[in-house]
Amino acid sequence: MALMLSLLSALVVFSYGHGGSLGCNLTVNHDLVSRENFLLLDQMRRISPSLCLDDRKDFRFPQQAVNGSQVQKTQAISVLYEMLGQTSRVFLTEQSSAAWNTTLLDKLLTGLHRQLEDLEPCLVQEVGQEESAAGKDPTADVKRYFLGIRLYLKQKKYSDCAWEVVREEIMKIMRSFSLPTNL
């Protein structure tokens, strides 16, 4: 968790800060939409997590992908963008619409789309700087992490408990990414 906070602090500084090195300013609504998405995920709970203890899984969130000391400043927005896009992809499946209240699901997907749209100008500015960034692409780790989530859902035949485990996991990620703005 402490490792994520270092990247998240960097995201706040570079995205919201005046004259941040990315030259990228997210809309004021970006943080609000993020909080709304978190609340929607919380409202989507259909069964108690305690009923799904046998289905719990450690998805091994890629800490190195969000460790601020290892991630280039210019890659931080890419990591966040990838995480939001992959989260959207998980909830866009046909099986997802069968598992959740469609009104809440539609609101969540709309909110994720709005966040992605807010980040797109930042991502475009980053492309030129990306070539000079040394090291491994941290978004590849995020993609593998979400692939593990999708494979888990498939293996569990998209059961209610599998969806609950995934919903809790994604809430954990979203909670971590909203902490710095609460400071």
Protein backbone atom coordinates (compact mmCIF):
# COMPACT_ATOMS: atom_id res chain seq x y z
CA MET A 1 0.00 0.00 0.00
CA ALA A 2 2.84 2.39 0.83
CA LEU A 3 4.33 1.75 -2.60
CA MET A 4 1.09 2.78 -4.29
CA LEU A 5 0.92 5.96 -2.28
CA SER A 6 4.22 7.17 -3.72
CA LEU A 7 2.91 6.93 -7.29
CA LEU A 8 -0.42 8.33 -6.31
CA SER A 9 1.22 11.35 -4.74
CA ALA A 10 3.17 11.83 -7.95
CA LEU A 11 -0.06 11.59 -9.95
CA VAL A 12 -1.66 14.29 -7.86
CA VAL A 13 1.35 16.58 -8.08
CA PHE A 14 1.80 16.15 -11.81
CA SER A 15 -1.85 16.09 -12.76
CA TYR A 16 -3.36 18.66 -10.45
CA GLY A 17 -0.36 20.79 -9.60
CA HIS A 18 0.12 24.23 -11.09
CA GLY A 19 2.72 24.04 -13.81
CA GLY A 20 3.27 20.31 -13.29
CA SER A 21 5.98 18.82 -15.46
CA LEU A 22 3.40 17.01 -17.57
CA GLY A 23 1.69 20.30 -18.34
CA CYS A 24 -1.55 18.45 -17.82
CA ASN A 25 -4.49 19.69 -15.78
CA LEU A 26 -7.34 17.32 -15.12
CA THR A 27 -10.79 18.77 -14.76
CA VAL A 28 -12.11 19.37 -11.28
CA ASN A 29 -14.76 16.79 -12.08
CA HIS A 30 -12.14 14.03 -12.52
CA ASP A 31 -11.78 13.56 -8.76
CA LEU A 32 -15.53 13.81 -8.24
CA VAL A 33 -16.20 11.17 -10.92
CA SER A 34 -13.56 8.93 -9.34
CA ARG A 35 -15.35 9.14 -6.00
CA GLU A 36 -18.72 8.53 -7.67
CA ASN A 37 -17.33 5.42 -9.38
CA PHE A 38 -16.08 4.14 -6.04
CA LEU A 39 -19.50 4.69 -4.46
CA LEU A 40 -21.21 2.97 -7.39
CA LEU A 41 -18.98 -0.06 -6.98
CA ASP A 42 -19.85 -0.13 -3.30
CA GLN A 43 -23.58 0.03 -4.14
CA MET A 44 -23.18 -2.83 -6.61
CA ARG A 45 -22.54 -5.35 -3.82
CA ARG A 46 -25.15 -8.08 -4.14
CA ILE A 47 -23.88 -10.63 -1.66
CA SER A 48 -21.83 -10.49 1.48
CA PRO A 49 -18.10 -10.99 0.91
CA SER A 50 -18.14 -13.34 3.91
CA LEU A 51 -20.15 -15.82 1.81
CA CYS A 52 -17.31 -15.94 -0.71
CA LEU A 53 -14.33 -16.75 1.49
CA ASP A 54 -13.56 -19.92 -0.47
CA ASP A 55 -13.39 -17.90 -3.69
CA ARG A 56 -10.95 -15.26 -2.44
CA LYS A 57 -7.78 -14.85 -4.43
CA ASP A 58 -4.65 -12.77 -4.23
CA PHE A 59 -4.45 -11.22 -7.69
CA ARG A 60 -0.99 -9.86 -6.87
CA PHE A 61 -1.39 -6.25 -7.81
CA PRO A 62 1.80 -5.19 -9.65
CA GLN A 63 3.33 -2.97 -6.97
CA GLN A 64 6.34 -2.26 -9.18
CA ALA A 65 4.01 -0.70 -11.75
CA VAL A 66 2.92 1.93 -9.28
CA ASN A 67 6.06 2.39 -7.24
CA GLY A 68 6.81 6.08 -7.69
CA SER A 69 10.57 5.60 -7.39
CA GLN A 70 10.61 3.11 -10.27
CA VAL A 71 7.95 4.59 -12.55
CA GLN A 72 8.97 7.53 -14.69
CA LYS A 73 6.90 10.63 -14.05
CA THR A 74 5.74 10.54 -17.64
CA GLN A 75 4.45 6.98 -17.20
CA ALA A 76 2.21 7.68 -14.20
CA ILE A 77 -0.71 8.87 -16.32
CA SER A 78 -0.31 5.85 -18.62
CA VAL A 79 -0.58 3.51 -15.64
CA LEU A 80 -3.73 5.23 -14.37
CA TYR A 81 -5.23 5.32 -17.87
CA GLU A 82 -4.50 1.61 -18.35
CA MET A 83 -6.02 0.72 -14.98
CA LEU A 84 -9.22 2.64 -15.74
CA GLY A 85 -9.43 1.13 -19.23
CA GLN A 86 -8.89 -2.39 -17.96
CA THR A 87 -11.46 -1.88 -15.19
CA SER A 88 -13.94 -0.76 -17.82
CA ARG A 89 -13.10 -3.81 -19.94
CA VAL A 90 -13.84 -6.17 -17.02
CA PHE A 91 -17.27 -4.61 -16.49
CA LEU A 92 -18.10 -4.40 -20.21
CA THR A 93 -18.38 -8.16 -20.63
CA GLU A 94 -21.70 -9.76 -21.45
CA GLN A 95 -21.45 -11.77 -18.22
CA SER A 96 -21.07 -8.57 -16.22
CA SER A 97 -24.39 -7.17 -17.34
CA ALA A 98 -26.04 -10.39 -16.16
CA ALA A 99 -24.35 -10.15 -12.75
CA TRP A 100 -25.05 -6.53 -11.79
CA ASN A 101 -27.86 -4.02 -11.54
CA THR A 102 -27.76 -2.59 -15.07
CA THR A 103 -28.50 0.98 -13.94
CA LEU A 104 -25.53 1.00 -11.56
CA LEU A 105 -23.35 -0.78 -14.11
CA ASP A 106 -24.20 1.75 -16.82
CA LYS A 107 -23.42 4.64 -14.45
CA LEU A 108 -20.08 3.03 -13.52
CA LEU A 109 -19.11 2.48 -17.16
CA THR A 110 -20.10 6.07 -18.01
CA GLY A 111 -18.00 7.36 -15.11
CA LEU A 112 -14.98 5.27 -16.13
CA HIS A 113 -15.36 6.56 -19.70
CA ARG A 114 -15.45 10.16 -18.43
CA GLN A 115 -12.26 9.59 -16.43
CA LEU A 116 -10.56 8.11 -19.49
CA GLU A 117 -11.63 11.11 -21.57
CA ASP A 118 -10.21 13.45 -18.91
CA LEU A 119 -6.87 11.64 -19.05
CA GLU A 120 -6.58 11.50 -22.86
CA PRO A 121 -5.08 15.01 -23.26
CA CYS A 122 -2.51 14.12 -20.59
CA LEU A 123 -1.71 10.90 -22.41
CA VAL A 124 -1.19 12.73 -25.71
CA GLN A 125 1.26 15.14 -24.06
CA GLU A 126 3.08 12.21 -22.56
CA VAL A 127 3.73 10.39 -25.86
CA GLY A 128 6.65 12.63 -26.82
CA GLN A 129 8.24 12.25 -23.41
CA GLU A 130 7.67 8.49 -23.29
CA GLU A 131 10.44 7.70 -25.74
CA SER A 132 13.04 9.07 -23.35
CA ALA A 133 11.69 7.10 -20.38
CA ALA A 134 14.07 4.32 -19.45
CA GLY A 135 13.09 0.86 -18.29
CA LYS A 136 10.18 -1.50 -18.59
CA ASP A 137 6.68 -0.34 -19.50
CA PRO A 138 4.66 -0.53 -16.26
CA THR A 139 1.38 -0.72 -18.18
CA ALA A 140 2.35 -4.24 -19.30
CA ASP A 141 2.22 -5.34 -15.65
CA VAL A 142 -1.19 -3.73 -15.24
CA LYS A 143 -2.44 -5.55 -18.36
CA ARG A 144 -1.18 -8.90 -16.99
CA TYR A 145 -2.86 -8.18 -13.64
CA PHE A 146 -6.23 -7.56 -15.29
CA LEU A 147 -5.77 -10.57 -17.55
CA GLY A 148 -5.48 -12.61 -14.34
CA ILE A 149 -8.75 -11.10 -13.13
CA ARG A 150 -10.53 -11.95 -16.39
CA LEU A 151 -9.13 -15.50 -16.37
CA TYR A 152 -10.25 -15.93 -12.75
CA LEU A 153 -13.80 -14.89 -13.67
CA LYS A 154 -13.82 -17.31 -16.58
CA GLN A 155 -12.42 -20.14 -14.45
CA LYS A 156 -15.10 -19.50 -11.82
CA LYS A 157 -17.74 -19.41 -14.58
CA TYR A 158 -18.62 -15.81 -13.71
CA SER A 159 -20.25 -16.91 -10.46
CA ASP A 160 -21.76 -14.37 -8.10
CA CYS A 161 -18.90 -14.96 -5.64
CA ALA A 162 -16.27 -14.52 -8.36
CA TRP A 163 -17.83 -11.19 -9.32
CA GLU A 164 -17.96 -10.16 -5.66
CA VAL A 165 -14.26 -10.99 -5.21
CA VAL A 166 -13.39 -8.97 -8.32
CA ARG A 167 -15.61 -6.06 -7.25
CA GLU A 168 -13.83 -5.97 -3.87
CA GLU A 169 -10.42 -6.13 -5.58
CA ILE A 170 -11.23 -3.24 -7.89
CA MET A 171 -12.62 -1.23 -4.99
CA LYS A 172 -9.32 -1.79 -3.18
CA ILE A 173 -7.44 -0.38 -6.17
CA MET A 174 -9.79 2.59 -6.54
CA ARG A 175 -9.56 3.34 -2.82
CA SER A 176 -5.79 3.37 -3.05
CA PHE A 177 -5.85 5.73 -6.02
CA SER A 178 -8.12 8.19 -4.28
CA LEU A 179 -6.20 8.43 -1.00
CA PRO A 180 -3.76 11.22 -1.91
CA THR A 181 -6.53 13.58 -2.92
CA ASN A 182 -7.99 13.15 0.54
CA LEU A 183 -4.86 14.42 2.28
